[in-house]
Amino acid sequence: MVQVIDGTMEAIPLKPDLSAAAGDPIYLFKASDAPWINPQSKPSKRENRYVTDGPELFRTKSGQLLMLWSSYGRGGYIQTVARSESGKLAGPWKQLDSLVGNDSGHGMLFKTFEGQLMMVLHQPFRNARGKLFDMEDTGDNLKVLRARHDLDGVPTNP
């Protein structure tokens, strides 16, 4: 088992047929680059809190390149976003404010048949269920408009 103290996001170039790597990994950023990482929580081999997990790339309506990703913030597992300052995969990457807390992660964006941008993620971290959110593409970031509890399959009290 590989132990990593400060997880990194890296990209690996692929052959045109996607069958194998076509070069060395390209370093993008490390988890501790994020401003919302708890500075009081020092990473250790016993308790790795600097995790990079669940990336998804998204090109905004204005052409900005964003990456959704998950890690541990001050209040638990979070769904966050970073923006490539060059608009290219190689970055440099700027870490933006987190999107959703409450032990949430592994977000993926999609559009409904009506064209509404949405995000699905797991929440909470243990015994997770899929949660849905109406999203807005602001051109340089993503914004959570509202949680869609009416669609997440959890019965509500009458």
N, C-alpha and C. Protein backbone atom coordinates (compact mmCIF):
# COMPACT_ATOMS: atom_id res chain seq x y z
N MET A 1 0.84 -1.18 0.00
CA MET A 1 0.00 0.00 0.00
C MET A 1 0.89 1.24 0.00
N VAL A 2 0.56 2.20 -0.85
CA VAL A 2 1.32 3.44 -0.94
C VAL A 2 0.75 4.44 0.06
N GLN A 3 1.61 5.04 0.85
CA GLN A 3 1.19 6.07 1.79
C GLN A 3 1.59 7.42 1.24
N VAL A 4 0.65 8.32 1.08
CA VAL A 4 0.93 9.66 0.59
C VAL A 4 0.51 10.64 1.67
N ILE A 5 1.41 11.54 2.01
CA ILE A 5 1.11 12.52 3.05
C ILE A 5 0.30 13.69 2.49
N ASP A 6 0.62 14.15 1.30
CA ASP A 6 -0.06 15.28 0.69
C ASP A 6 -0.40 14.89 -0.74
N GLY A 7 -1.65 14.47 -0.95
CA GLY A 7 -2.08 13.96 -2.26
C GLY A 7 -1.94 14.99 -3.36
N THR A 8 -1.65 14.52 -4.56
CA THR A 8 -1.50 15.40 -5.71
C THR A 8 -2.50 15.03 -6.80
N MET A 9 -2.82 16.02 -7.62
CA MET A 9 -3.54 15.78 -8.86
C MET A 9 -2.49 15.81 -9.96
N GLU A 10 -2.52 14.79 -10.80
CA GLU A 10 -1.59 14.69 -11.91
C GLU A 10 -2.34 14.19 -13.13
N ALA A 11 -1.83 14.53 -14.30
CA ALA A 11 -2.42 14.09 -15.57
C ALA A 11 -1.39 13.25 -16.30
N ILE A 12 -1.84 12.21 -16.95
CA ILE A 12 -0.95 11.34 -17.71
C ILE A 12 -1.34 11.42 -19.18
N PRO A 13 -0.41 11.84 -20.04
CA PRO A 13 -0.70 11.86 -21.47
C PRO A 13 -0.92 10.43 -21.98
N LEU A 14 -1.90 10.27 -22.88
CA LEU A 14 -2.22 8.95 -23.42
C LEU A 14 -1.94 8.88 -24.91
N LYS A 15 -1.74 7.67 -25.38
CA LYS A 15 -1.61 7.44 -26.82
C LYS A 15 -2.94 7.81 -27.48
N PRO A 16 -2.93 8.14 -28.78
CA PRO A 16 -4.17 8.54 -29.46
C PRO A 16 -5.30 7.52 -29.32
N ASP A 17 -4.98 6.22 -29.24
CA ASP A 17 -6.04 5.21 -29.09
C ASP A 17 -6.38 4.96 -27.63
N LEU A 18 -5.81 5.74 -26.71
CA LEU A 18 -6.05 5.67 -25.27
C LEU A 18 -5.62 4.35 -24.63
N SER A 19 -4.78 3.58 -25.31
CA SER A 19 -4.41 2.25 -24.85
C SER A 19 -3.32 2.23 -23.78
N ALA A 20 -2.53 3.30 -23.69
CA ALA A 20 -1.41 3.30 -22.74
C ALA A 20 -0.90 4.71 -22.55
N ALA A 21 -0.09 4.87 -21.52
CA ALA A 21 0.54 6.17 -21.26
C ALA A 21 1.49 6.52 -22.40
N ALA A 22 1.57 7.82 -22.71
CA ALA A 22 2.45 8.30 -23.78
C ALA A 22 3.48 9.28 -23.22
N GLY A 23 3.68 9.25 -21.91
CA GLY A 23 4.65 10.16 -21.30
C GLY A 23 4.54 10.10 -19.80
N ASP A 24 5.35 10.91 -19.16
CA ASP A 24 5.37 10.97 -17.70
C ASP A 24 4.18 11.78 -17.19
N PRO A 25 3.77 11.52 -15.93
CA PRO A 25 2.69 12.32 -15.34
C PRO A 25 3.06 13.80 -15.28
N ILE A 26 2.04 14.64 -15.41
CA ILE A 26 2.20 16.09 -15.31
C ILE A 26 1.57 16.53 -13.99
N TYR A 27 2.38 17.12 -13.12
CA TYR A 27 1.91 17.59 -11.82
C TYR A 27 0.99 18.79 -12.02
N LEU A 28 -0.20 18.78 -11.37
CA LEU A 28 -1.15 19.89 -11.46
C LEU A 28 -1.18 20.70 -10.16
N PHE A 29 -1.46 20.03 -9.03
CA PHE A 29 -1.47 20.70 -7.73
C PHE A 29 -1.50 19.65 -6.63
N LYS A 30 -1.31 20.10 -5.39
CA LYS A 30 -1.38 19.22 -4.23
C LYS A 30 -2.52 19.70 -3.32
N ALA A 31 -3.04 18.78 -2.52
CA ALA A 31 -4.19 19.09 -1.67
C ALA A 31 -3.93 20.26 -0.74
N SER A 32 -2.72 20.32 -0.18
CA SER A 32 -2.44 21.39 0.80
C SER A 32 -2.35 22.77 0.16
N ASP A 33 -2.45 22.88 -1.17
CA ASP A 33 -2.51 24.19 -1.83
C ASP A 33 -3.84 24.90 -1.54
N ALA A 34 -4.85 24.15 -1.16
CA ALA A 34 -6.19 24.71 -0.95
C ALA A 34 -6.25 25.54 0.33
N PRO A 35 -6.83 26.75 0.27
CA PRO A 35 -6.88 27.62 1.45
C PRO A 35 -7.82 27.11 2.54
N TRP A 36 -8.74 26.23 2.19
CA TRP A 36 -9.71 25.74 3.18
C TRP A 36 -9.20 24.52 3.93
N ILE A 37 -7.98 24.03 3.61
CA ILE A 37 -7.39 22.93 4.39
C ILE A 37 -7.19 23.43 5.81
N ASN A 38 -7.49 22.61 6.79
CA ASN A 38 -7.34 22.99 8.19
C ASN A 38 -5.86 23.12 8.53
N PRO A 39 -5.36 24.35 8.77
CA PRO A 39 -3.93 24.52 9.05
C PRO A 39 -3.52 23.92 10.39
N GLN A 40 -4.46 23.66 11.28
CA GLN A 40 -4.14 23.07 12.58
C GLN A 40 -3.93 21.56 12.47
N SER A 41 -4.41 20.96 11.38
CA SER A 41 -4.33 19.51 11.20
C SER A 41 -3.11 19.16 10.35
N LYS A 42 -2.03 18.81 10.98
CA LYS A 42 -0.82 18.42 10.27
C LYS A 42 -0.98 16.99 9.75
N PRO A 43 -0.65 16.76 8.48
CA PRO A 43 -0.77 15.40 7.96
C PRO A 43 0.27 14.48 8.59
N SER A 44 -0.08 13.22 8.71
CA SER A 44 0.87 12.23 9.23
C SER A 44 0.60 10.92 8.51
N LYS A 45 1.50 9.97 8.68
CA LYS A 45 1.30 8.67 8.06
C LYS A 45 0.12 7.94 8.67
N ARG A 46 -0.22 8.25 9.91
CA ARG A 46 -1.33 7.58 10.57
C ARG A 46 -2.67 8.18 10.19
N GLU A 47 -2.70 9.48 9.93
CA GLU A 47 -3.97 10.13 9.62
C GLU A 47 -3.77 11.10 8.46
N ASN A 48 -3.96 10.61 7.25
CA ASN A 48 -3.76 11.43 6.06
C ASN A 48 -5.01 12.26 5.81
N ARG A 49 -4.92 13.56 6.02
CA ARG A 49 -6.05 14.45 5.82
C ARG A 49 -5.89 15.28 4.55
N TYR A 50 -4.75 15.18 3.86
CA TYR A 50 -4.52 15.94 2.65
C TYR A 50 -4.75 15.02 1.45
N VAL A 51 -6.02 14.81 1.14
CA VAL A 51 -6.44 13.86 0.12
C VAL A 51 -6.85 14.61 -1.14
N THR A 52 -6.50 14.07 -2.31
CA THR A 52 -7.05 14.54 -3.58
C THR A 52 -7.86 13.39 -4.15
N ASP A 53 -9.12 13.66 -4.48
CA ASP A 53 -10.02 12.57 -4.80
C ASP A 53 -11.11 13.04 -5.76
N GLY A 54 -11.57 12.14 -6.61
CA GLY A 54 -12.76 12.33 -7.43
C GLY A 54 -12.74 13.50 -8.38
N PRO A 55 -11.72 13.66 -9.23
CA PRO A 55 -11.69 14.82 -10.13
C PRO A 55 -12.64 14.68 -11.32
N GLU A 56 -13.19 15.82 -11.74
CA GLU A 56 -13.93 15.93 -12.99
C GLU A 56 -13.61 17.29 -13.60
N LEU A 57 -13.25 17.30 -14.87
CA LEU A 57 -12.97 18.56 -15.57
C LEU A 57 -14.24 19.09 -16.21
N PHE A 58 -14.36 20.42 -16.23
CA PHE A 58 -15.55 21.08 -16.78
C PHE A 58 -15.12 22.38 -17.43
N ARG A 59 -15.54 22.61 -18.66
CA ARG A 59 -15.24 23.85 -19.38
C ARG A 59 -16.49 24.74 -19.25
N THR A 60 -16.32 25.95 -18.70
CA THR A 60 -17.45 26.85 -18.48
C THR A 60 -17.91 27.49 -19.79
N LYS A 61 -19.03 28.18 -19.71
CA LYS A 61 -19.59 28.85 -20.88
C LYS A 61 -18.66 29.93 -21.44
N SER A 62 -17.75 30.45 -20.59
CA SER A 62 -16.79 31.46 -21.07
C SER A 62 -15.44 30.85 -21.43
N GLY A 63 -15.33 29.50 -21.36
CA GLY A 63 -14.10 28.82 -21.76
C GLY A 63 -13.13 28.52 -20.63
N GLN A 64 -13.46 28.91 -19.39
CA GLN A 64 -12.60 28.60 -18.26
C GLN A 64 -12.58 27.09 -18.01
N LEU A 65 -11.42 26.56 -17.62
CA LEU A 65 -11.29 25.15 -17.29
C LEU A 65 -11.33 24.99 -15.78
N LEU A 66 -12.33 24.25 -15.30
CA LEU A 66 -12.50 23.99 -13.87
C LEU A 66 -12.27 22.52 -13.59
N MET A 67 -11.92 22.21 -12.35
CA MET A 67 -11.83 20.83 -11.90
C MET A 67 -12.59 20.70 -10.58
N LEU A 68 -13.63 19.87 -10.58
CA LEU A 68 -14.26 19.49 -9.33
C LEU A 68 -13.37 18.44 -8.69
N TRP A 69 -13.21 18.49 -7.37
CA TRP A 69 -12.46 17.47 -6.66
C TRP A 69 -12.88 17.47 -5.19
N SER A 70 -12.51 16.42 -4.48
CA SER A 70 -12.93 16.26 -3.09
C SER A 70 -11.73 16.09 -2.18
N SER A 71 -11.89 16.52 -0.93
CA SER A 71 -10.85 16.37 0.08
C SER A 71 -11.46 16.61 1.45
N TYR A 72 -10.62 16.63 2.47
CA TYR A 72 -11.06 16.96 3.82
C TYR A 72 -10.83 18.43 4.09
N GLY A 73 -11.87 19.13 4.51
CA GLY A 73 -11.77 20.52 4.93
C GLY A 73 -11.88 20.59 6.44
N ARG A 74 -12.13 21.78 6.95
CA ARG A 74 -12.21 21.98 8.40
C ARG A 74 -13.37 21.20 9.02
N GLY A 75 -14.46 21.02 8.28
CA GLY A 75 -15.64 20.38 8.84
C GLY A 75 -15.92 18.99 8.29
N GLY A 76 -14.93 18.33 7.72
CA GLY A 76 -15.13 16.99 7.16
C GLY A 76 -14.86 16.98 5.66
N TYR A 77 -15.40 15.97 5.01
CA TYR A 77 -15.18 15.77 3.58
C TYR A 77 -15.99 16.81 2.81
N ILE A 78 -15.39 17.40 1.76
CA ILE A 78 -16.07 18.46 1.02
C ILE A 78 -15.93 18.27 -0.49
N GLN A 79 -16.86 18.89 -1.21
CA GLN A 79 -16.80 18.99 -2.66
C GLN A 79 -16.28 20.37 -2.97
N THR A 80 -15.22 20.46 -3.75
CA THR A 80 -14.61 21.74 -4.03
C THR A 80 -14.33 21.89 -5.52
N VAL A 81 -13.72 23.02 -5.88
CA VAL A 81 -13.45 23.31 -7.28
C VAL A 81 -12.17 24.14 -7.39
N ALA A 82 -11.42 23.90 -8.46
CA ALA A 82 -10.22 24.67 -8.79
C ALA A 82 -10.36 25.17 -10.22
N ARG A 83 -9.66 26.27 -10.53
CA ARG A 83 -9.71 26.85 -11.88
C ARG A 83 -8.29 26.94 -12.44
N SER A 84 -8.12 26.50 -13.69
CA SER A 84 -6.84 26.65 -14.37
C SER A 84 -6.70 28.11 -14.79
N GLU A 85 -5.66 28.76 -14.34
CA GLU A 85 -5.45 30.17 -14.66
C GLU A 85 -5.04 30.37 -16.12
N SER A 86 -4.51 29.32 -16.75
CA SER A 86 -4.12 29.41 -18.16
C SER A 86 -5.21 28.90 -19.09
N GLY A 87 -6.21 28.22 -18.51
CA GLY A 87 -7.24 27.59 -19.33
C GLY A 87 -6.81 26.25 -19.89
N LYS A 88 -5.60 25.82 -19.51
CA LYS A 88 -5.05 24.55 -19.98
C LYS A 88 -4.89 23.59 -18.82
N LEU A 89 -4.84 22.31 -19.13
CA LEU A 89 -4.74 21.28 -18.10
C LEU A 89 -3.51 21.47 -17.22
N ALA A 90 -2.40 21.92 -17.79
CA ALA A 90 -1.16 22.08 -17.03
C ALA A 90 -1.24 23.20 -15.99
N GLY A 91 -2.28 24.04 -16.05
CA GLY A 91 -2.46 25.09 -15.06
C GLY A 91 -1.61 26.31 -15.34
N PRO A 92 -1.29 27.07 -14.30
CA PRO A 92 -1.41 26.77 -12.87
C PRO A 92 -2.87 26.80 -12.41
N TRP A 93 -3.12 26.07 -11.31
CA TRP A 93 -4.46 25.90 -10.77
C TRP A 93 -4.65 26.77 -9.54
N LYS A 94 -5.78 27.48 -9.52
CA LYS A 94 -6.17 28.29 -8.36
C LYS A 94 -7.29 27.57 -7.63
N GLN A 95 -7.10 27.37 -6.33
CA GLN A 95 -8.12 26.70 -5.52
C GLN A 95 -9.19 27.71 -5.12
N LEU A 96 -10.45 27.39 -5.42
CA LEU A 96 -11.58 28.26 -5.12
C LEU A 96 -12.28 27.78 -3.86
N ASP A 97 -13.28 28.53 -3.42
CA ASP A 97 -14.04 28.13 -2.23
C ASP A 97 -14.75 26.80 -2.49
N SER A 98 -14.97 26.07 -1.42
CA SER A 98 -15.65 24.78 -1.55
C SER A 98 -17.10 25.00 -1.98
N LEU A 99 -17.67 24.00 -2.64
CA LEU A 99 -19.05 24.07 -3.13
C LEU A 99 -20.04 23.54 -2.11
N VAL A 100 -19.76 22.35 -1.55
CA VAL A 100 -20.68 21.69 -0.62
C VAL A 100 -19.87 21.03 0.48
N GLY A 101 -20.27 21.25 1.73
CA GLY A 101 -19.65 20.61 2.89
C GLY A 101 -20.48 19.42 3.34
N ASN A 102 -20.60 19.26 4.63
CA ASN A 102 -21.45 18.22 5.23
C ASN A 102 -21.08 16.82 4.78
N ASP A 103 -19.76 16.53 4.76
CA ASP A 103 -19.28 15.20 4.37
C ASP A 103 -19.76 14.81 2.98
N SER A 104 -19.49 15.67 2.01
CA SER A 104 -19.91 15.48 0.63
C SER A 104 -18.71 15.30 -0.29
N GLY A 105 -18.88 14.55 -1.37
CA GLY A 105 -17.78 14.42 -2.31
C GLY A 105 -18.12 13.67 -3.57
N HIS A 106 -17.10 13.55 -4.42
CA HIS A 106 -17.15 12.85 -5.69
C HIS A 106 -18.24 13.41 -6.61
N GLY A 107 -18.30 14.73 -6.68
CA GLY A 107 -19.31 15.40 -7.49
C GLY A 107 -19.11 15.20 -8.98
N MET A 108 -20.20 15.11 -9.69
CA MET A 108 -20.21 15.02 -11.15
C MET A 108 -21.30 15.95 -11.67
N LEU A 109 -20.98 16.68 -12.74
CA LEU A 109 -21.93 17.59 -13.35
C LEU A 109 -22.65 16.92 -14.52
N PHE A 110 -23.88 17.34 -14.73
CA PHE A 110 -24.65 16.88 -15.89
C PHE A 110 -25.74 17.90 -16.18
N LYS A 111 -26.33 17.81 -17.36
CA LYS A 111 -27.45 18.66 -17.72
C LYS A 111 -28.70 17.82 -17.85
N THR A 112 -29.81 18.36 -17.36
CA THR A 112 -31.10 17.68 -17.51
C THR A 112 -31.54 17.78 -18.98
N PHE A 113 -32.58 17.07 -19.33
CA PHE A 113 -33.11 17.14 -20.69
C PHE A 113 -33.58 18.57 -21.02
N GLU A 114 -33.92 19.34 -19.98
CA GLU A 114 -34.35 20.72 -20.17
C GLU A 114 -33.17 21.70 -20.20
N GLY A 115 -31.95 21.20 -19.99
CA GLY A 115 -30.76 22.05 -20.06
C GLY A 115 -30.27 22.60 -18.74
N GLN A 116 -30.90 22.22 -17.62
CA GLN A 116 -30.46 22.71 -16.31
C GLN A 116 -29.18 21.99 -15.89
N LEU A 117 -28.14 22.76 -15.55
CA LEU A 117 -26.89 22.20 -15.03
C LEU A 117 -27.13 21.72 -13.61
N MET A 118 -26.73 20.48 -13.35
CA MET A 118 -26.90 19.89 -12.01
C MET A 118 -25.62 19.18 -11.60
N MET A 119 -25.52 18.94 -10.30
CA MET A 119 -24.41 18.18 -9.74
C MET A 119 -24.99 17.08 -8.86
N VAL A 120 -24.42 15.90 -8.99
CA VAL A 120 -24.76 14.80 -8.09
C VAL A 120 -23.50 14.48 -7.31
N LEU A 121 -23.67 14.20 -6.02
CA LEU A 121 -22.54 13.81 -5.17
C LEU A 121 -23.04 12.90 -4.07
N HIS A 122 -22.10 12.32 -3.32
CA HIS A 122 -22.51 11.49 -2.19
C HIS A 122 -22.50 12.33 -0.92
N GLN A 123 -23.47 12.01 -0.05
CA GLN A 123 -23.57 12.69 1.23
C GLN A 123 -24.40 11.82 2.14
N PRO A 124 -24.04 11.54 3.35
CA PRO A 124 -22.77 11.86 4.00
C PRO A 124 -21.66 10.91 3.55
N PHE A 125 -20.51 10.99 4.25
CA PHE A 125 -19.37 10.17 3.86
C PHE A 125 -19.66 8.69 4.07
N ARG A 126 -20.25 8.34 5.20
CA ARG A 126 -20.62 6.94 5.48
C ARG A 126 -22.11 6.78 5.24
N ASN A 127 -22.52 5.60 4.77
CA ASN A 127 -23.92 5.34 4.42
C ASN A 127 -24.44 6.41 3.46
N ALA A 128 -23.63 6.70 2.47
CA ALA A 128 -23.90 7.80 1.54
C ALA A 128 -25.09 7.52 0.64
N ARG A 129 -25.75 8.60 0.28
CA ARG A 129 -26.81 8.60 -0.72
C ARG A 129 -26.47 9.65 -1.76
N GLY A 130 -27.00 9.48 -2.96
CA GLY A 130 -26.81 10.50 -3.98
C GLY A 130 -27.64 11.72 -3.66
N LYS A 131 -27.03 12.88 -3.72
CA LYS A 131 -27.72 14.16 -3.49
C LYS A 131 -27.58 14.99 -4.75
N LEU A 132 -28.63 15.72 -5.09
CA LEU A 132 -28.66 16.51 -6.31
C LEU A 132 -28.74 18.00 -5.99
N PHE A 133 -28.10 18.81 -6.84
CA PHE A 133 -28.06 20.25 -6.65
C PHE A 133 -28.24 20.94 -7.99
N ASP A 134 -29.09 21.98 -8.03
CA ASP A 134 -29.15 22.87 -9.18
C ASP A 134 -27.90 23.73 -9.14
N MET A 135 -27.22 23.85 -10.29
CA MET A 135 -25.97 24.58 -10.36
C MET A 135 -26.07 25.71 -11.37
N GLU A 136 -25.17 26.69 -11.23
CA GLU A 136 -25.05 27.76 -12.20
C GLU A 136 -23.60 27.83 -12.67
N ASP A 137 -23.41 27.90 -13.97
CA ASP A 137 -22.11 28.16 -14.58
C ASP A 137 -21.99 29.67 -14.67
N THR A 138 -21.14 30.28 -13.81
CA THR A 138 -21.01 31.74 -13.77
C THR A 138 -20.01 32.26 -14.79
N GLY A 139 -19.37 31.37 -15.53
CA GLY A 139 -18.37 31.76 -16.50
C GLY A 139 -16.96 31.54 -16.00
N ASP A 140 -16.71 31.86 -14.73
CA ASP A 140 -15.39 31.63 -14.16
C ASP A 140 -15.41 30.72 -12.95
N ASN A 141 -16.59 30.24 -12.59
CA ASN A 141 -16.75 29.35 -11.44
C ASN A 141 -18.09 28.64 -11.55
N LEU A 142 -18.38 27.83 -10.55
CA LEU A 142 -19.68 27.18 -10.41
C LEU A 142 -20.32 27.67 -9.13
N LYS A 143 -21.64 27.74 -9.13
CA LYS A 143 -22.38 28.19 -7.96
C LYS A 143 -23.51 27.21 -7.69
N VAL A 144 -23.65 26.80 -6.43
CA VAL A 144 -24.78 25.96 -6.03
C VAL A 144 -25.99 26.87 -5.88
N LEU A 145 -27.04 26.61 -6.64
CA LEU A 145 -28.27 27.40 -6.53
C LEU A 145 -29.16 26.90 -5.41
N ARG A 146 -29.34 25.57 -5.36
CA ARG A 146 -30.15 24.99 -4.29
C ARG A 146 -30.00 23.48 -4.28
N ALA A 147 -30.16 22.91 -3.09
CA ALA A 147 -30.20 21.46 -2.95
C ALA A 147 -31.56 20.99 -3.43
N ARG A 148 -31.59 19.89 -4.16
CA ARG A 148 -32.84 19.35 -4.69
C ARG A 148 -33.28 18.13 -3.88
N HIS A 149 -33.67 18.39 -2.64
CA HIS A 149 -34.12 17.31 -1.76
C HIS A 149 -35.37 16.63 -2.31
N ASP A 150 -36.12 17.33 -3.17
CA ASP A 150 -37.31 16.73 -3.77
C ASP A 150 -36.95 15.63 -4.78
N LEU A 151 -35.69 15.55 -5.18
CA LEU A 151 -35.26 14.56 -6.17
C LEU A 151 -34.31 13.50 -5.62
N ASP A 152 -33.89 13.62 -4.35
CA ASP A 152 -32.82 12.72 -3.88
C ASP A 152 -33.31 11.39 -3.32
N GLY A 153 -34.62 11.16 -3.36
CA GLY A 153 -35.13 9.85 -2.96
C GLY A 153 -35.29 9.65 -1.47
N VAL A 154 -35.03 10.66 -0.68
CA VAL A 154 -35.22 10.56 0.77
C VAL A 154 -36.61 11.06 1.10
N PRO A 155 -37.46 10.21 1.70
CA PRO A 155 -38.81 10.66 2.01
C PRO A 155 -38.80 11.82 3.01
N THR A 156 -39.67 12.77 2.81
CA THR A 156 -39.80 13.89 3.73
C THR A 156 -41.02 13.67 4.60
N ASN A 157 -40.99 14.27 5.78
CA ASN A 157 -42.15 14.16 6.69
C ASN A 157 -43.28 15.04 6.19
N PRO A 158 -44.50 14.52 6.21
CA PRO A 158 -45.65 15.33 5.73
C PRO A 158 -45.94 16.48 6.64
